[in-house]
């Protein structure tokens, strides 16, 4: 038995996944409200935590640590937010 090779562009794959996730979120109003509230809460938390981190003298190493910590926090938060629906699916 021979298999055909089928190549799909990465943008079309991401587009299909984005569309599916968007439709699932729109169809579930409770999930939509929860995601909006989660986004508001986390943005206020991160804003309060790192308020004024970039206004200080950037020649000081501690100020760079604040900025890199802020970027790390935001990137890890975005990653875990996208990953949490996937991890919930596996036990089911």
PDB file of N, CA and C in Angstrom:
ATOM      1  N   UNK A   1       0.831  -1.159   0.000  1.00  0.00           N
ATOM      2  CA  UNK A   1       0.000   0.000   0.000  1.00  0.00           C
ATOM      3  C   UNK A   1       0.890   1.241   0.000  1.00  0.00           C
ATOM      4  N   UNK A   2       0.638   2.137  -0.916  1.00  0.00           N
ATOM      5  CA  UNK A   2       1.423   3.357  -1.027  1.00  0.00           C
ATOM      6  C   UNK A   2       0.604   4.554  -0.573  1.00  0.00           C
ATOM      7  N   UNK A   3       1.257   5.450   0.132  1.00  0.00           N
ATOM      8  CA  UNK A   3       0.599   6.660   0.588  1.00  0.00           C
ATOM      9  C   UNK A   3       1.042   7.832  -0.272  1.00  0.00           C
ATOM     10  N   UNK A   4       0.085   8.693  -0.554  1.00  0.00           N
ATOM     11  CA  UNK A   4       0.424   9.904  -1.300  1.00  0.00           C
ATOM     12  C   UNK A   4       0.916  10.963  -0.331  1.00  0.00           C
ATOM     13  N   UNK A   5       1.840  11.758  -0.804  1.00  0.00           N
ATOM     14  CA  UNK A   5       2.295  12.881  -0.002  1.00  0.00           C
ATOM     15  C   UNK A   5       1.364  14.058  -0.274  1.00  0.00           C
ATOM     16  N   UNK A   6       0.930  14.677   0.792  1.00  0.00           N
ATOM     17  CA  UNK A   6       0.040  15.827   0.666  1.00  0.00           C
ATOM     18  C   UNK A   6       0.607  16.953   1.509  1.00  0.00           C
ATOM     19  N   UNK A   7       0.986  18.008   0.856  1.00  0.00           N
ATOM     20  CA  UNK A   7       1.565  19.136   1.576  1.00  0.00           C
ATOM     21  C   UNK A   7       0.522  20.233   1.728  1.00  0.00           C
ATOM     22  N   UNK A   8       0.397  20.721   2.933  1.00  0.00           N
ATOM     23  CA  UNK A   8      -0.516  21.813   3.226  1.00  0.00           C
ATOM     24  C   UNK A   8       0.308  22.970   3.785  1.00  0.00           C
ATOM     25  N   UNK A   9      -0.032  24.163   3.346  1.00  0.00           N
ATOM     26  CA  UNK A   9       0.705  25.325   3.812  1.00  0.00           C
ATOM     27  C   UNK A   9       0.367  25.587   5.275  1.00  0.00           C
ATOM     28  N   UNK A  10       1.375  26.055   6.002  1.00  0.00           N
ATOM     29  CA  UNK A  10       1.217  26.260   7.445  1.00  0.00           C
ATOM     30  C   UNK A  10       0.195  27.346   7.730  1.00  0.00           C
ATOM     31  N   UNK A  11       0.098  28.345   6.872  1.00  0.00           N
ATOM     32  CA  UNK A  11      -0.882  29.409   7.099  1.00  0.00           C
ATOM     33  C   UNK A  11      -2.312  28.906   6.953  1.00  0.00           C
ATOM     34  N   UNK A  12      -2.542  27.978   6.058  1.00  0.00           N
ATOM     35  CA  UNK A  12      -3.897  27.437   5.922  1.00  0.00           C
ATOM     36  C   UNK A  12      -4.263  26.556   7.124  1.00  0.00           C
ATOM     37  N   UNK A  13      -3.288  25.867   7.684  1.00  0.00           N
ATOM     38  CA  UNK A  13      -3.537  25.060   8.884  1.00  0.00           C
ATOM     39  C   UNK A  13      -3.885  25.977  10.059  1.00  0.00           C
ATOM     40  N   UNK A  14      -3.073  27.014  10.271  1.00  0.00           N
ATOM     41  CA  UNK A  14      -3.360  27.958  11.352  1.00  0.00           C
ATOM     42  C   UNK A  14      -4.680  28.679  11.138  1.00  0.00           C
ATOM     43  N   UNK A  15      -4.994  28.983   9.888  1.00  0.00           N
ATOM     44  CA  UNK A  15      -6.272  29.633   9.596  1.00  0.00           C
ATOM     45  C   UNK A  15      -7.455  28.756   9.962  1.00  0.00           C
ATOM     46  N   UNK A  16      -7.361  27.465   9.637  1.00  0.00           N
ATOM     47  CA  UNK A  16      -8.447  26.537   9.967  1.00  0.00           C
ATOM     48  C   UNK A  16      -8.587  26.375  11.484  1.00  0.00           C
ATOM     49  N   UNK A  17      -7.464  26.278  12.193  1.00  0.00           N
ATOM     50  CA  UNK A  17      -7.516  26.152  13.653  1.00  0.00           C
ATOM     51  C   UNK A  17      -8.050  27.420  14.308  1.00  0.00           C
ATOM     52  N   UNK A  18      -7.661  28.567  13.778  1.00  0.00           N
ATOM     53  CA  UNK A  18      -8.151  29.826  14.317  1.00  0.00           C
ATOM     54  C   UNK A  18      -9.649  29.975  14.102  1.00  0.00           C
ATOM     55  N   UNK A  19     -10.120  29.599  12.920  1.00  0.00           N
ATOM     56  CA  UNK A  19     -11.547  29.674  12.631  1.00  0.00           C
ATOM     57  C   UNK A  19     -12.349  28.740  13.535  1.00  0.00           C
ATOM     58  N   UNK A  20     -11.844  27.525  13.739  1.00  0.00           N
ATOM     59  CA  UNK A  20     -12.537  26.561  14.593  1.00  0.00           C
ATOM     60  C   UNK A  20     -12.601  27.047  16.037  1.00  0.00           C
ATOM     61  N   UNK A  21     -11.493  27.579  16.537  1.00  0.00           N
ATOM     62  CA  UNK A  21     -11.471  28.087  17.899  1.00  0.00           C
ATOM     63  C   UNK A  21     -12.394  29.293  18.056  1.00  0.00           C
ATOM     64  N   UNK A  22     -12.418  30.173  17.068  1.00  0.00           N
ATOM     65  CA  UNK A  22     -13.289  31.336  17.106  1.00  0.00           C
ATOM     66  C   UNK A  22     -14.760  30.922  17.122  1.00  0.00           C
ATOM     67  N   UNK A  23     -15.132  29.974  16.278  1.00  0.00           N
ATOM     68  CA  UNK A  23     -16.526  29.514  16.241  1.00  0.00           C
ATOM     69  C   UNK A  23     -16.928  28.823  17.543  1.00  0.00           C
ATOM     70  N   UNK A  24     -16.037  28.030  18.119  1.00  0.00           N
ATOM     71  CA  UNK A  24     -16.337  27.377  19.392  1.00  0.00           C
ATOM     72  C   UNK A  24     -16.518  28.393  20.516  1.00  0.00           C
ATOM     73  N   UNK A  25     -15.720  29.449  20.493  1.00  0.00           N
ATOM     74  CA  UNK A  25     -15.836  30.473  21.526  1.00  0.00           C
ATOM     75  C   UNK A  25     -17.116  31.275  21.360  1.00  0.00           C
ATOM     76  N   UNK A  26     -17.477  31.624  20.130  1.00  0.00           N
ATOM     77  CA  UNK A  26     -18.683  32.404  19.880  1.00  0.00           C
ATOM     78  C   UNK A  26     -19.940  31.594  20.230  1.00  0.00           C
ATOM     79  N   UNK A  27     -19.919  30.308  19.984  1.00  0.00           N
ATOM     80  CA  UNK A  27     -21.094  29.473  20.243  1.00  0.00           C
ATOM     81  C   UNK A  27     -21.338  29.225  21.725  1.00  0.00           C
ATOM     82  N   UNK A  28     -20.343  29.459  22.556  1.00  0.00           N
ATOM     83  CA  UNK A  28     -20.474  29.238  23.994  1.00  0.00           C
ATOM     84  C   UNK A  28     -20.370  30.590  24.704  1.00  0.00           C
ATOM     85  N   UNK A  29     -21.495  31.236  25.037  1.00  0.00           N
ATOM     86  CA  UNK A  29     -21.427  32.574  25.623  1.00  0.00           C
ATOM     87  C   UNK A  29     -20.751  32.625  26.990  1.00  0.00           C
ATOM     88  N   UNK A  30     -20.874  31.574  27.781  1.00  0.00           N
ATOM     89  CA  UNK A  30     -20.210  31.557  29.080  1.00  0.00           C
ATOM     90  C   UNK A  30     -18.691  31.546  28.911  1.00  0.00           C
ATOM     91  N   UNK A  31     -18.214  30.785  27.953  1.00  0.00           N
ATOM     92  CA  UNK A  31     -16.781  30.744  27.673  1.00  0.00           C
ATOM     93  C   UNK A  31     -16.292  32.102  27.184  1.00  0.00           C
ATOM     94  N   UNK A  32     -17.103  32.763  26.375  1.00  0.00           N
ATOM     95  CA  UNK A  32     -16.739  34.086  25.864  1.00  0.00           C
ATOM     96  C   UNK A  32     -16.599  35.087  27.009  1.00  0.00           C
ATOM     97  N   UNK A  33     -17.567  35.089  27.934  1.00  0.00           N
ATOM     98  CA  UNK A  33     -17.501  35.992  29.084  1.00  0.00           C
ATOM     99  C   UNK A  33     -16.297  35.661  29.972  1.00  0.00           C
ATOM    100  N   UNK A  34     -16.028  34.381  30.158  1.00  0.00           N
ATOM    101  CA  UNK A  34     -14.904  33.980  31.000  1.00  0.00           C
ATOM    102  C   UNK A  34     -13.577  34.422  30.386  1.00  0.00           C
ATOM    103  N   UNK A  35     -13.448  34.308  29.074  1.00  0.00           N
ATOM    104  CA  UNK A  35     -12.198  34.719  28.421  1.00  0.00           C
ATOM    105  C   UNK A  35     -12.011  36.224  28.479  1.00  0.00           C
ATOM    106  N   UNK A  36     -13.096  36.978  28.334  1.00  0.00           N
ATOM    107  CA  UNK A  36     -12.998  38.437  28.423  1.00  0.00           C
ATOM    108  C   UNK A  36     -12.604  38.852  29.841  1.00  0.00           C
ATOM    109  N   UNK A  37     -13.251  38.272  30.850  1.00  0.00           N
ATOM    110  CA  UNK A  37     -12.913  38.595  32.237  1.00  0.00           C
ATOM    111  C   UNK A  37     -11.493  38.159  32.596  1.00  0.00           C
ATOM    112  N   UNK A  38     -11.069  37.023  32.075  1.00  0.00           N
ATOM    113  CA  UNK A  38      -9.704  36.561  32.321  1.00  0.00           C
ATOM    114  C   UNK A  38      -8.695  37.523  31.696  1.00  0.00           C
ATOM    115  N   UNK A  39      -8.976  37.983  30.495  1.00  0.00           N
ATOM    116  CA  UNK A  39      -8.078  38.932  29.845  1.00  0.00           C
ATOM    117  C   UNK A  39      -7.999  40.255  30.586  1.00  0.00           C
ATOM    118  N   UNK A  40      -9.145  40.748  31.065  1.00  0.00           N
ATOM    119  CA  UNK A  40      -9.154  41.999  31.821  1.00  0.00           C
ATOM    120  C   UNK A  40      -8.390  41.840  33.137  1.00  0.00           C
ATOM    121  N   UNK A  41      -8.647  40.752  33.860  1.00  0.00           N
ATOM    122  CA  UNK A  41      -7.971  40.523  35.135  1.00  0.00           C
ATOM    123  C   UNK A  41      -6.463  40.404  34.967  1.00  0.00           C
ATOM    124  N   UNK A  42      -6.017  39.594  33.996  1.00  0.00           N
ATOM    125  CA  UNK A  42      -4.582  39.390  33.828  1.00  0.00           C
ATOM    126  C   UNK A  42      -3.879  40.638  33.320  1.00  0.00           C
ATOM    127  N   UNK A  43      -4.558  41.430  32.482  1.00  0.00           N
ATOM    128  CA  UNK A  43      -3.927  42.670  32.022  1.00  0.00           C
ATOM    129  C   UNK A  43      -3.803  43.674  33.164  1.00  0.00           C
ATOM    130  N   UNK A  44      -4.809  43.755  34.025  1.00  0.00           N
ATOM    131  CA  UNK A  44      -4.704  44.633  35.196  1.00  0.00           C
ATOM    132  C   UNK A  44      -3.639  44.136  36.169  1.00  0.00           C
ATOM    133  N   UNK A  45      -3.545  42.834  36.344  1.00  0.00           N
ATOM    134  CA  UNK A  45      -2.531  42.257  37.229  1.00  0.00           C
ATOM    135  C   UNK A  45      -1.125  42.537  36.708  1.00  0.00           C
ATOM    136  N   UNK A  46      -0.897  42.266  35.426  1.00  0.00           N
ATOM    137  CA  UNK A  46       0.433  42.501  34.848  1.00  0.00           C
ATOM    138  C   UNK A  46       0.751  43.990  34.813  1.00  0.00           C
ATOM    139  N   UNK A  47      -0.255  44.828  34.523  1.00  0.00           N
ATOM    140  CA  UNK A  47      -0.022  46.266  34.526  1.00  0.00           C
ATOM    141  C   UNK A  47       0.320  46.794  35.901  1.00  0.00           C
ATOM    142  N   UNK A  48      -0.353  46.278  36.924  1.00  0.00           N
ATOM    143  CA  UNK A  48      -0.043  46.703  38.282  1.00  0.00           C
ATOM    144  C   UNK A  48       1.299  46.187  38.771  1.00  0.00           C
ATOM    145  N   UNK A  49       1.640  44.983  38.329  1.00  0.00           N
ATOM    146  CA  UNK A  49       2.893  44.375  38.768  1.00  0.00           C
ATOM    147  C   UNK A  49       4.099  45.081  38.167  1.00  0.00           C
ATOM    148  N   UNK A  50       4.004  45.462  36.909  1.00  0.00           N
ATOM    149  CA  UNK A  50       5.139  46.059  36.210  1.00  0.00           C
ATOM    150  C   UNK A  50       4.913  47.536  35.901  1.00  0.00           C
ATOM    151  N   UNK A  51       4.109  48.205  36.686  1.00  0.00           N
ATOM    152  CA  UNK A  51       3.835  49.621  36.464  1.00  0.00           C
ATOM    153  C   UNK A  51       5.111  50.439  36.666  1.00  0.00           C
ATOM    154  N   UNK A  52       5.446  51.236  35.661  1.00  0.00           N
ATOM    155  CA  UNK A  52       6.615  52.106  35.738  1.00  0.00           C
ATOM    156  C   UNK A  52       7.939  51.407  35.539  1.00  0.00           C
ATOM    157  N   UNK A  53       7.943  50.191  35.026  1.00  0.00           N
ATOM    158  CA  UNK A  53       9.203  49.458  34.862  1.00  0.00           C
ATOM    159  C   UNK A  53      10.071  50.066  33.772  1.00  0.00           C
ATOM    160  N   UNK A  54       9.501  50.663  32.748  1.00  0.00           N
ATOM    161  CA  UNK A  54      10.301  51.218  31.659  1.00  0.00           C
ATOM    162  C   UNK A  54      10.629  52.676  31.815  1.00  0.00           C
ATOM    163  N   UNK A  55      10.119  53.344  32.839  1.00  0.00           N
ATOM    164  CA  UNK A  55      10.343  54.778  33.002  1.00  0.00           C
ATOM    165  C   UNK A  55      11.671  55.089  33.691  1.00  0.00           C
ATOM    166  N   UNK A  56      12.261  54.129  34.309  1.00  0.00           N
ATOM    167  CA  UNK A  56      13.476  54.359  35.078  1.00  0.00           C
ATOM    168  C   UNK A  56      14.695  54.364  34.153  1.00  0.00           C
ATOM    169  N   UNK A  57      15.830  54.602  34.738  1.00  0.00           N
ATOM    170  CA  UNK A  57      17.080  54.641  33.993  1.00  0.00           C
ATOM    171  C   UNK A  57      17.405  53.249  33.459  1.00  0.00           C
ATOM    172  N   UNK A  58      17.547  53.125  32.134  1.00  0.00           N
ATOM    173  CA  UNK A  58      17.800  51.813  31.534  1.00  0.00           C
ATOM    174  C   UNK A  58      19.269  51.410  31.587  1.00  0.00           C
ATOM    175  N   UNK A  59      20.115  52.268  32.127  1.00  0.00           N
ATOM    176  CA  UNK A  59      21.519  51.894  32.277  1.00  0.00           C
ATOM    177  C   UNK A  59      21.731  50.996  33.502  1.00  0.00           C
ATOM    178  N   UNK A  60      20.743  50.918  34.358  1.00  0.00           N
ATOM    179  CA  UNK A  60      20.814  50.074  35.539  1.00  0.00           C
ATOM    180  C   UNK A  60      20.355  48.664  35.170  1.00  0.00           C
ATOM    181  N   UNK A  61      21.091  47.652  35.593  1.00  0.00           N
ATOM    182  CA  UNK A  61      20.786  46.265  35.237  1.00  0.00           C
ATOM    183  C   UNK A  61      19.461  45.796  35.824  1.00  0.00           C
ATOM    184  N   UNK A  62      19.102  46.269  37.018  1.00  0.00           N
ATOM    185  CA  UNK A  62      17.839  45.853  37.628  1.00  0.00           C
ATOM    186  C   UNK A  62      16.637  46.271  36.795  1.00  0.00           C
ATOM    187  N   UNK A  63      16.709  47.421  36.148  1.00  0.00           N
ATOM    188  CA  UNK A  63      15.598  47.869  35.317  1.00  0.00           C
ATOM    189  C   UNK A  63      15.438  46.978  34.089  1.00  0.00           C
ATOM    190  N   UNK A  64      16.533  46.481  33.544  1.00  0.00           N
ATOM    191  CA  UNK A  64      16.438  45.530  32.433  1.00  0.00           C
ATOM    192  C   UNK A  64      15.830  44.220  32.911  1.00  0.00           C
ATOM    193  N   UNK A  65      16.133  43.830  34.145  1.00  0.00           N
ATOM    194  CA  UNK A  65      15.533  42.616  34.698  1.00  0.00           C
ATOM    195  C   UNK A  65      14.026  42.765  34.838  1.00  0.00           C
ATOM    196  N   UNK A  66      13.553  43.960  35.212  1.00  0.00           N
ATOM    197  CA  UNK A  66      12.115  44.201  35.282  1.00  0.00           C
ATOM    198  C   UNK A  66      11.465  44.051  33.911  1.00  0.00           C
ATOM    199  N   UNK A  67      12.111  44.625  32.907  1.00  0.00           N
ATOM    200  CA  UNK A  67      11.543  44.559  31.549  1.00  0.00           C
ATOM    201  C   UNK A  67      11.534  43.137  31.006  1.00  0.00           C
ATOM    202  N   UNK A  68      12.620  42.403  31.181  1.00  0.00           N
ATOM    203  CA  UNK A  68      12.649  41.023  30.693  1.00  0.00           C
ATOM    204  C   UNK A  68      11.697  40.138  31.488  1.00  0.00           C
ATOM    205  N   UNK A  69      11.539  40.420  32.773  1.00  0.00           N
ATOM    206  CA  UNK A  69      10.560  39.678  33.571  1.00  0.00           C
ATOM    207  C   UNK A  69       9.146  39.924  33.090  1.00  0.00           C
ATOM    208  N   UNK A  70       8.861  41.158  32.723  1.00  0.00           N
ATOM    209  CA  UNK A  70       7.538  41.492  32.199  1.00  0.00           C
ATOM    210  C   UNK A  70       7.272  40.760  30.883  1.00  0.00           C
ATOM    211  N   UNK A  71       8.246  40.783  29.988  1.00  0.00           N
ATOM    212  CA  UNK A  71       8.082  40.081  28.709  1.00  0.00           C
ATOM    213  C   UNK A  71       7.944  38.576  28.906  1.00  0.00           C
ATOM    214  N   UNK A  72       8.717  38.024  29.830  1.00  0.00           N
ATOM    215  CA  UNK A  72       8.618  36.594  30.120  1.00  0.00           C
ATOM    216  C   UNK A  72       7.244  36.249  30.682  1.00  0.00           C
ATOM    217  N   UNK A  73       6.740  37.053  31.612  1.00  0.00           N
ATOM    218  CA  UNK A  73       5.426  36.811  32.202  1.00  0.00           C
ATOM    219  C   UNK A  73       4.334  36.852  31.141  1.00  0.00           C
ATOM    220  N   UNK A  74       4.380  37.835  30.269  1.00  0.00           N
ATOM    221  CA  UNK A  74       3.352  37.969  29.228  1.00  0.00           C
ATOM    222  C   UNK A  74       3.421  36.808  28.241  1.00  0.00           C
ATOM    223  N   UNK A  75       4.635  36.407  27.840  1.00  0.00           N
ATOM    224  CA  UNK A  75       4.752  35.314  26.876  1.00  0.00           C
ATOM    225  C   UNK A  75       4.331  33.971  27.476  1.00  0.00           C
ATOM    226  N   UNK A  76       4.706  33.693  28.717  1.00  0.00           N
ATOM    227  CA  UNK A  76       4.290  32.444  29.362  1.00  0.00           C
ATOM    228  C   UNK A  76       2.788  32.427  29.582  1.00  0.00           C
ATOM    229  N   UNK A  77       2.214  33.576  29.932  1.00  0.00           N
ATOM    230  CA  UNK A  77       0.773  33.664  30.114  1.00  0.00           C
ATOM    231  C   UNK A  77       0.044  33.387  28.801  1.00  0.00           C
ATOM    232  N   UNK A  78       0.529  33.952  27.713  1.00  0.00           N
ATOM    233  CA  UNK A  78      -0.102  33.713  26.408  1.00  0.00           C
ATOM    234  C   UNK A  78       0.013  32.244  26.017  1.00  0.00           C
ATOM    235  N   UNK A  79       1.158  31.637  26.287  1.00  0.00           N
ATOM    236  CA  UNK A  79       1.360  30.233  25.949  1.00  0.00           C
ATOM    237  C   UNK A  79       0.438  29.321  26.747  1.00  0.00           C
ATOM    238  N   UNK A  80       0.357  29.537  28.054  1.00  0.00           N
ATOM    239  CA  UNK A  80      -0.486  28.669  28.872  1.00  0.00           C
ATOM    240  C   UNK A  80      -1.972  28.908  28.620  1.00  0.00           C
ATOM    241  N   UNK A  81      -2.353  30.128  28.247  1.00  0.00           N
ATOM    242  CA  UNK A  81      -3.749  30.398  27.912  1.00  0.00           C
ATOM    243  C   UNK A  81      -4.163  29.618  26.673  1.00  0.00           C
ATOM    244  N   UNK A  82      -3.277  29.560  25.692  1.00  0.00           N
ATOM    245  CA  UNK A  82      -3.588  28.804  24.473  1.00  0.00           C
ATOM    246  C   UNK A  82      -3.506  27.300  24.699  1.00  0.00           C
ATOM    247  N   UNK A  83      -2.668  26.874  25.634  1.00  0.00           N
ATOM    248  CA  UNK A  83      -2.450  25.443  25.845  1.00  0.00           C
ATOM    249  C   UNK A  83      -3.479  24.803  26.768  1.00  0.00           C
ATOM    250  N   UNK A  84      -4.139  25.573  27.615  1.00  0.00           N
ATOM    251  CA  UNK A  84      -5.028  24.977  28.608  1.00  0.00           C
ATOM    252  C   UNK A  84      -6.210  24.215  28.010  1.00  0.00           C
ATOM    253  N   UNK A  85      -6.854  24.660  26.922  1.00  0.00           N
ATOM    254  CA  UNK A  85      -7.922  23.824  26.359  1.00  0.00           C
ATOM    255  C   UNK A  85      -7.415  22.480  25.828  1.00  0.00           C
ATOM    256  N   UNK A  86      -6.175  22.455  25.368  1.00  0.00           N
ATOM    257  CA  UNK A  86      -5.610  21.212  24.848  1.00  0.00           C
ATOM    258  C   UNK A  86      -5.360  20.232  25.986  1.00  0.00           C
ATOM    259  N   UNK A  87      -4.846  20.717  27.104  1.00  0.00           N
ATOM    260  CA  UNK A  87      -4.554  19.819  28.227  1.00  0.00           C
ATOM    261  C   UNK A  87      -5.830  19.302  28.884  1.00  0.00           C
ATOM    262  N   UNK A  88      -6.912  20.038  28.804  1.00  0.00           N
ATOM    263  CA  UNK A  88      -8.168  19.576  29.360  1.00  0.00           C
ATOM    264  C   UNK A  88      -8.771  18.465  28.489  1.00  0.00           C
ATOM    265  N   UNK A  89      -8.480  18.489  27.194  1.00  0.00           N
ATOM    266  CA  UNK A  89      -9.049  17.517  26.265  1.00  0.00           C
ATOM    267  C   UNK A  89      -8.482  16.116  26.485  1.00  0.00           C
ATOM    268  N   UNK A  90      -7.200  15.993  26.837  1.00  0.00           N
ATOM    269  CA  UNK A  90      -6.572  14.680  26.933  1.00  0.00           C
ATOM    270  C   UNK A  90      -7.196  13.750  27.973  1.00  0.00           C
ATOM    271  N   UNK A  91      -7.504  14.194  29.198  1.00  0.00           N
ATOM    272  CA  UNK A  91      -8.119  13.257  30.154  1.00  0.00           C
ATOM    273  C   UNK A  91      -9.502  12.758  29.718  1.00  0.00           C
ATOM    274  N   UNK A  92     -10.238  13.582  28.952  1.00  0.00           N
ATOM    275  CA  UNK A  92     -11.551  13.155  28.522  1.00  0.00           C
ATOM    276  C   UNK A  92     -11.443  11.999  27.545  1.00  0.00           C
TER     277      UNK A  92
END
